[in-house]
Amino acid sequence: MDAAGWDERYRGSELVWKAEPNRFVAQELAGLEPSGRAVDLAAGEGRNAVWLAERGWEVEAVDFSAVGLEKAERLAADRGVRLRAVQTDLTLWAPPEATYDLALIAYLHLPWPEMAQILTRAATAVRRGGTLLLVGHDAANPERGHGGPQDPRVLYSPGQVADLWRPYADILRAEAVTRPVTTAEGGNRTALDALVHAVRR
């Protein structure tokens, strides 16, 4: 889906996603001492970026949807925190090296050549000792899980991401994790996500 498509999806007054952070983002980062600048790539309506700001991070929320970022700024204001919204296509995102202390990539799905470039830029944009965290729909989710993109070209495995980051960072965790999902009909299903947590060398 392009920026216009996401703008349309986000246009309603209600949040498309919950205001609370993603469960894996909260689990992996709750114990991390806020230590400066964080960037949330594909921030959408800002639920993870706002949570990080509430914890004391100086947060940059990056997304190509102007509507999503407006909602992120409103959510931040409602929670009494600030974030810096940056509207850009992530395929064009080119931050200086060693800029951030934390880079979060949650549910960003692009064809692997583009995704790999963004993940490499995220790795080099993090300072030594900083944290990299990716959460996304696992490549096996269409067969073994529920929901999410069904196009295998935009999905990835934890090992794929870990191999890309290994030249830059120590991999603390790289595995497929399950997430409960409530369907539109009220049923309970399970989604399979990829999770990679690393520390920049």
C-alpha atoms as a PDB file:
ATOM      1  CA  MET A   1       0.000   0.000   0.000  1.00  0.00           C
ATOM      2  CA  ASP A   2       1.337   3.448  -0.911  1.00  0.00           C
ATOM      3  CA  ALA A   3       1.259   6.653   1.155  1.00  0.00           C
ATOM      4  CA  ALA A   4      -2.134   7.678  -0.220  1.00  0.00           C
ATOM      5  CA  GLY A   5      -3.551   4.287   0.704  1.00  0.00           C
ATOM      6  CA  TRP A   6      -2.272   4.551   4.263  1.00  0.00           C
ATOM      7  CA  ASP A   7      -3.517   8.148   4.504  1.00  0.00           C
ATOM      8  CA  GLU A   8      -6.983   6.877   3.619  1.00  0.00           C
ATOM      9  CA  ARG A   9      -6.754   4.030   6.120  1.00  0.00           C
ATOM     10  CA  TYR A  10      -5.685   6.379   8.913  1.00  0.00           C
ATOM     11  CA  ARG A  11      -8.194   9.125   8.036  1.00  0.00           C
ATOM     12  CA  GLY A  12     -10.894   8.093  10.542  1.00  0.00           C
ATOM     13  CA  SER A  13     -11.013   9.704  13.966  1.00  0.00           C
ATOM     14  CA  GLU A  14     -10.349   6.413  15.742  1.00  0.00           C
ATOM     15  CA  LEU A  15      -6.938   4.771  15.870  1.00  0.00           C
ATOM     16  CA  VAL A  16      -6.509   1.872  13.433  1.00  0.00           C
ATOM     17  CA  TRP A  17      -4.201   0.227  15.962  1.00  0.00           C
ATOM     18  CA  LYS A  18      -4.451   0.381  19.734  1.00  0.00           C
ATOM     19  CA  ALA A  19      -2.806   3.288  21.546  1.00  0.00           C
ATOM     20  CA  GLU A  20      -0.733   0.846  23.606  1.00  0.00           C
ATOM     21  CA  PRO A  21       2.665  -0.232  22.274  1.00  0.00           C
ATOM     22  CA  ASN A  22       3.141  -3.502  20.463  1.00  0.00           C
ATOM     23  CA  ARG A  23       3.523  -6.311  23.007  1.00  0.00           C
ATOM     24  CA  PHE A  24       6.981  -7.329  21.787  1.00  0.00           C
ATOM     25  CA  VAL A  25       8.244  -3.749  21.673  1.00  0.00           C
ATOM     26  CA  ALA A  26       7.187  -3.325  25.297  1.00  0.00           C
ATOM     27  CA  GLN A  27       8.650  -6.680  26.376  1.00  0.00           C
ATOM     28  CA  GLU A  28      12.011  -6.158  24.712  1.00  0.00           C
ATOM     29  CA  LEU A  29      12.512  -2.470  25.543  1.00  0.00           C
ATOM     30  CA  ALA A  30      10.814  -1.993  28.941  1.00  0.00           C
ATOM     31  CA  GLY A  31      14.049  -2.746  30.792  1.00  0.00           C
ATOM     32  CA  LEU A  32      16.205  -0.543  28.568  1.00  0.00           C
ATOM     33  CA  GLU A  33      17.321   2.648  30.254  1.00  0.00           C
ATOM     34  CA  PRO A  34      16.338   5.673  28.098  1.00  0.00           C
ATOM     35  CA  SER A  35      19.677   7.023  26.926  1.00  0.00           C
ATOM     36  CA  GLY A  36      19.069   9.641  24.276  1.00  0.00           C
ATOM     37  CA  ARG A  37      17.664   9.577  20.767  1.00  0.00           C
ATOM     38  CA  ALA A  38      15.322   6.939  19.355  1.00  0.00           C
ATOM     39  CA  VAL A  39      13.902   6.545  15.865  1.00  0.00           C
ATOM     40  CA  ASP A  40      10.688   4.659  15.099  1.00  0.00           C
ATOM     41  CA  LEU A  41      10.628   3.672  11.429  1.00  0.00           C
ATOM     42  CA  ALA A  42       7.183   3.190   9.853  1.00  0.00           C
ATOM     43  CA  ALA A  43       5.747   4.810  12.978  1.00  0.00           C
ATOM     44  CA  GLY A  44       2.173   4.994  11.659  1.00  0.00           C
ATOM     45  CA  GLU A  45      -0.131   6.501  14.285  1.00  0.00           C
ATOM     46  CA  GLY A  46       2.702   6.596  16.783  1.00  0.00           C
ATOM     47  CA  ARG A  47       1.743   4.080  19.451  1.00  0.00           C
ATOM     48  CA  ASN A  48       5.316   2.806  19.879  1.00  0.00           C
ATOM     49  CA  ALA A  49       6.914   6.232  19.433  1.00  0.00           C
ATOM     50  CA  VAL A  50       4.655   7.772  22.087  1.00  0.00           C
ATOM     51  CA  TRP A  51       5.383   4.920  24.496  1.00  0.00           C
ATOM     52  CA  LEU A  52       9.112   5.504  24.032  1.00  0.00           C
ATOM     53  CA  ALA A  53       8.659   9.249  24.605  1.00  0.00           C
ATOM     54  CA  GLU A  54       6.721   8.514  27.797  1.00  0.00           C
ATOM     55  CA  ARG A  55       9.696   6.484  28.996  1.00  0.00           C
ATOM     56  CA  GLY A  56      12.052   9.417  28.482  1.00  0.00           C
ATOM     57  CA  TRP A  57      13.441   8.911  24.989  1.00  0.00           C
ATOM     58  CA  GLU A  58      13.854  11.794  22.536  1.00  0.00           C
ATOM     59  CA  VAL A  59      11.856  10.257  19.695  1.00  0.00           C
ATOM     60  CA  GLU A  60      11.787  10.749  15.946  1.00  0.00           C
ATOM     61  CA  ALA A  61       8.724   9.148  14.318  1.00  0.00           C
ATOM     62  CA  VAL A  62       9.290   8.462  10.610  1.00  0.00           C
ATOM     63  CA  ASP A  63       6.529   7.491   8.189  1.00  0.00           C
ATOM     64  CA  PHE A  64       5.303   8.362   4.696  1.00  0.00           C
ATOM     65  CA  SER A  65       1.706   8.936   5.825  1.00  0.00           C
ATOM     66  CA  ALA A  66       1.030  12.558   6.770  1.00  0.00           C
ATOM     67  CA  VAL A  67      -2.318  11.526   8.278  1.00  0.00           C
ATOM     68  CA  GLY A  68      -0.703   8.837  10.414  1.00  0.00           C
ATOM     69  CA  LEU A  69       1.917  11.258  11.709  1.00  0.00           C
ATOM     70  CA  GLU A  70      -0.729  13.891  12.534  1.00  0.00           C
ATOM     71  CA  LYS A  71      -2.472  11.293  14.675  1.00  0.00           C
ATOM     72  CA  ALA A  72       0.864  10.399  16.268  1.00  0.00           C
ATOM     73  CA  GLU A  73       1.422  14.036  17.223  1.00  0.00           C
ATOM     74  CA  ARG A  74      -2.109  14.265  18.667  1.00  0.00           C
ATOM     75  CA  LEU A  75      -1.592  11.074  20.662  1.00  0.00           C
ATOM     76  CA  ALA A  76       1.697  12.441  21.996  1.00  0.00           C
ATOM     77  CA  ALA A  77       0.020  15.725  22.989  1.00  0.00           C
ATOM     78  CA  ASP A  78      -2.800  13.840  24.707  1.00  0.00           C
ATOM     79  CA  ARG A  79      -0.194  11.904  26.698  1.00  0.00           C
ATOM     80  CA  GLY A  80       1.782  15.032  27.572  1.00  0.00           C
ATOM     81  CA  VAL A  81       4.920  14.127  25.629  1.00  0.00           C
ATOM     82  CA  ARG A  82       6.628  15.358  22.486  1.00  0.00           C
ATOM     83  CA  LEU A  83       8.002  13.643  19.431  1.00  0.00           C
ATOM     84  CA  ARG A  84       9.469  14.809  16.159  1.00  0.00           C
ATOM     85  CA  ALA A  85       7.424  13.672  13.164  1.00  0.00           C
ATOM     86  CA  VAL A  86       9.325  13.156   9.913  1.00  0.00           C
ATOM     87  CA  GLN A  87       7.319  12.473   6.762  1.00  0.00           C
ATOM     88  CA  THR A  88       9.415  10.615   4.206  1.00  0.00           C
ATOM     89  CA  ASP A  89       9.505   7.516   2.072  1.00  0.00           C
ATOM     90  CA  LEU A  90      11.765   5.134   3.990  1.00  0.00           C
ATOM     91  CA  THR A  91      13.417   3.992   0.777  1.00  0.00           C
ATOM     92  CA  LEU A  92      14.802   7.563   0.628  1.00  0.00           C
ATOM     93  CA  TRP A  93      15.627   7.804   4.357  1.00  0.00           C
ATOM     94  CA  ALA A  94      19.358   8.415   4.724  1.00  0.00           C
ATOM     95  CA  PRO A  95      20.329   9.416   8.291  1.00  0.00           C
ATOM     96  CA  PRO A  96      23.886  10.272   9.311  1.00  0.00           C
ATOM     97  CA  GLU A  97      25.848   7.438  10.882  1.00  0.00           C
ATOM     98  CA  ALA A  98      25.845   7.023  14.666  1.00  0.00           C
ATOM     99  CA  THR A  99      22.862   9.334  15.165  1.00  0.00           C
ATOM    100  CA  TYR A 100      20.551   7.282  17.407  1.00  0.00           C
ATOM    101  CA  ASP A 101      20.735   5.216  20.560  1.00  0.00           C
ATOM    102  CA  LEU A 102      17.739   3.094  19.546  1.00  0.00           C
ATOM    103  CA  ALA A 103      16.239   2.143  16.181  1.00  0.00           C
ATOM    104  CA  LEU A 104      12.834   0.440  16.144  1.00  0.00           C
ATOM    105  CA  ILE A 105      11.341  -1.136  13.034  1.00  0.00           C
ATOM    106  CA  ALA A 106       7.863  -2.556  13.677  1.00  0.00           C
ATOM    107  CA  TYR A 107       5.794  -4.164  10.912  1.00  0.00           C
ATOM    108  CA  LEU A 108       7.542  -2.545   7.987  1.00  0.00           C
ATOM    109  CA  HIS A 109       7.128  -4.782   4.941  1.00  0.00           C
ATOM    110  CA  LEU A 110       8.734  -4.047   1.587  1.00  0.00           C
ATOM    111  CA  PRO A 111      10.387  -6.230  -1.054  1.00  0.00           C
ATOM    112  CA  TRP A 112      13.591  -7.601   0.469  1.00  0.00           C
ATOM    113  CA  PRO A 113      16.083  -5.550  -1.590  1.00  0.00           C
ATOM    114  CA  GLU A 114      14.452  -2.331  -0.349  1.00  0.00           C
ATOM    115  CA  MET A 115      13.966  -3.700   3.146  1.00  0.00           C
ATOM    116  CA  ALA A 116      17.613  -4.744   3.371  1.00  0.00           C
ATOM    117  CA  GLN A 117      18.758  -1.239   2.445  1.00  0.00           C
ATOM    118  CA  ILE A 118      16.573   0.325   5.146  1.00  0.00           C
ATOM    119  CA  LEU A 119      17.722  -2.185   7.769  1.00  0.00           C
ATOM    120  CA  THR A 120      21.366  -1.543   6.882  1.00  0.00           C
ATOM    121  CA  ARG A 121      20.856   2.214   7.161  1.00  0.00           C
ATOM    122  CA  ALA A 122      19.150   1.696  10.520  1.00  0.00           C
ATOM    123  CA  ALA A 123      22.127  -0.332  11.746  1.00  0.00           C
ATOM    124  CA  THR A 124      24.693   2.253  10.713  1.00  0.00           C
ATOM    125  CA  ALA A 125      22.541   5.061  12.141  1.00  0.00           C
ATOM    126  CA  VAL A 126      22.776   3.562  15.645  1.00  0.00           C
ATOM    127  CA  ARG A 127      25.685   4.467  17.893  1.00  0.00           C
ATOM    128  CA  ARG A 128      28.002   1.873  19.416  1.00  0.00           C
ATOM    129  CA  GLY A 129      26.186   0.211  22.313  1.00  0.00           C
ATOM    130  CA  GLY A 130      22.804   1.281  20.954  1.00  0.00           C
ATOM    131  CA  THR A 131      19.836  -1.002  20.365  1.00  0.00           C
ATOM    132  CA  LEU A 132      18.215  -2.318  17.198  1.00  0.00           C
ATOM    133  CA  LEU A 133      14.802  -3.964  17.394  1.00  0.00           C
ATOM    134  CA  LEU A 134      12.737  -5.380  14.560  1.00  0.00           C
ATOM    135  CA  VAL A 135       9.287  -6.928  14.859  1.00  0.00           C
ATOM    136  CA  GLY A 136       7.306  -7.949  11.796  1.00  0.00           C
ATOM    137  CA  HIS A 137       5.147 -10.607  10.191  1.00  0.00           C
ATOM    138  CA  ASP A 138       7.239 -13.766   9.824  1.00  0.00           C
ATOM    139  CA  ALA A 139       7.814 -15.356   6.419  1.00  0.00           C
ATOM    140  CA  ALA A 140       6.039 -18.484   7.668  1.00  0.00           C
ATOM    141  CA  ASN A 141       2.939 -16.594   8.853  1.00  0.00           C
ATOM    142  CA  PRO A 142       0.834 -17.127   5.688  1.00  0.00           C
ATOM    143  CA  GLU A 143       1.121 -20.906   6.140  1.00  0.00           C
ATOM    144  CA  ARG A 144       1.381 -21.245   9.923  1.00  0.00           C
ATOM    145  CA  GLY A 145      -0.240 -18.077  11.304  1.00  0.00           C
ATOM    146  CA  HIS A 146      -3.050 -15.595  10.727  1.00  0.00           C
ATOM    147  CA  GLY A 147      -3.392 -12.169   9.113  1.00  0.00           C
ATOM    148  CA  GLY A 148      -0.681  -9.884   7.823  1.00  0.00           C
ATOM    149  CA  PRO A 149       0.658  -9.613   4.269  1.00  0.00           C
ATOM    150  CA  GLN A 150       0.304 -12.763   2.194  1.00  0.00           C
ATOM    151  CA  ASP A 151       2.892 -11.801  -0.436  1.00  0.00           C
ATOM    152  CA  PRO A 152       6.097 -13.741   0.344  1.00  0.00           C
ATOM    153  CA  ARG A 153       8.178 -11.064  -1.395  1.00  0.00           C
ATOM    154  CA  VAL A 154       7.564  -8.596   1.468  1.00  0.00           C
ATOM    155  CA  LEU A 155       8.029 -11.065   4.329  1.00  0.00           C
ATOM    156  CA  TYR A 156      11.245 -12.107   6.067  1.00  0.00           C
ATOM    157  CA  SER A 157      12.580 -14.525   8.645  1.00  0.00           C
ATOM    158  CA  PRO A 158      14.426 -13.659  11.874  1.00  0.00           C
ATOM    159  CA  GLY A 159      17.520 -15.358  10.466  1.00  0.00           C
ATOM    160  CA  GLN A 160      17.429 -13.211   7.341  1.00  0.00           C
ATOM    161  CA  VAL A 161      17.406 -10.015   9.403  1.00  0.00           C
ATOM    162  CA  ALA A 162      19.984 -11.310  11.883  1.00  0.00           C
ATOM    163  CA  ASP A 163      22.373 -12.233   9.057  1.00  0.00           C
ATOM    164  CA  LEU A 164      22.031  -8.716   7.654  1.00  0.00           C
ATOM    165  CA  TRP A 165      22.714  -7.060  11.016  1.00  0.00           C
ATOM    166  CA  ARG A 166      25.462  -9.417  12.203  1.00  0.00           C
ATOM    167  CA  PRO A 167      28.325  -7.450  10.579  1.00  0.00           C
ATOM    168  CA  TYR A 168      27.220  -4.394  12.587  1.00  0.00           C
ATOM    169  CA  ALA A 169      25.753  -5.730  15.810  1.00  0.00           C
ATOM    170  CA  ASP A 170      25.663  -8.538  18.343  1.00  0.00           C
ATOM    171  CA  ILE A 171      22.400 -10.464  18.014  1.00  0.00           C
ATOM    172  CA  LEU A 172      20.716 -10.942  21.394  1.00  0.00           C
ATOM    173  CA  ARG A 173      17.573 -12.623  20.084  1.00  0.00           C
ATOM    174  CA  ALA A 174      16.391 -13.754  16.661  1.00  0.00           C
ATOM    175  CA  GLU A 175      13.345 -15.979  16.629  1.00  0.00           C
ATOM    176  CA  ALA A 176       9.781 -16.445  15.501  1.00  0.00           C
ATOM    177  CA  VAL A 177       7.260 -15.508  18.199  1.00  0.00           C
ATOM    178  CA  THR A 178       3.515 -16.039  18.432  1.00  0.00           C
ATOM    179  CA  ARG A 179       0.894 -13.363  19.002  1.00  0.00           C
ATOM    180  CA  PRO A 180      -2.810 -13.934  19.776  1.00  0.00           C
ATOM    181  CA  VAL A 181      -5.218 -12.330  17.309  1.00  0.00           C
ATOM    182  CA  THR A 182      -8.964 -11.781  17.649  1.00  0.00           C
ATOM    183  CA  THR A 183     -10.682 -12.090  14.277  1.00  0.00           C
ATOM    184  CA  ALA A 184     -13.475  -9.822  13.025  1.00  0.00           C
ATOM    185  CA  GLU A 185     -15.889 -12.631  13.848  1.00  0.00           C
ATOM    186  CA  GLY A 186     -14.658 -12.748  17.450  1.00  0.00           C
ATOM    187  CA  GLY A 187     -12.618 -15.919  17.090  1.00  0.00           C
ATOM    188  CA  ASN A 188      -9.118 -16.451  18.440  1.00  0.00           C
ATOM    189  CA  ARG A 189      -6.186 -17.141  16.119  1.00  0.00           C
ATOM    190  CA  THR A 190      -2.410 -17.001  16.362  1.00  0.00           C
ATOM    191  CA  ALA A 191      -0.058 -14.859  14.271  1.00  0.00           C
ATOM    192  CA  LEU A 192       3.596 -15.669  13.735  1.00  0.00           C
ATOM    193  CA  ASP A 193       6.000 -12.726  13.971  1.00  0.00           C
ATOM    194  CA  ALA A 194       9.721 -12.310  13.394  1.00  0.00           C
ATOM    195  CA  LEU A 195      11.653 -10.689  16.243  1.00  0.00           C
ATOM    196  CA  VAL A 196      15.291  -9.587  16.141  1.00  0.00           C
ATOM    197  CA  HIS A 197      16.954  -7.705  19.018  1.00  0.00           C
ATOM    198  CA  ALA A 198      20.573  -6.577  18.583  1.00  0.00           C
ATOM    199  CA  VAL A 199      23.186  -4.262  20.124  1.00  0.00           C
ATOM    200  CA  ARG A 200      25.419  -2.191  17.883  1.00  0.00           C
ATOM    201  CA  ARG A 201      29.146  -2.877  18.090  1.00  0.00           C
END
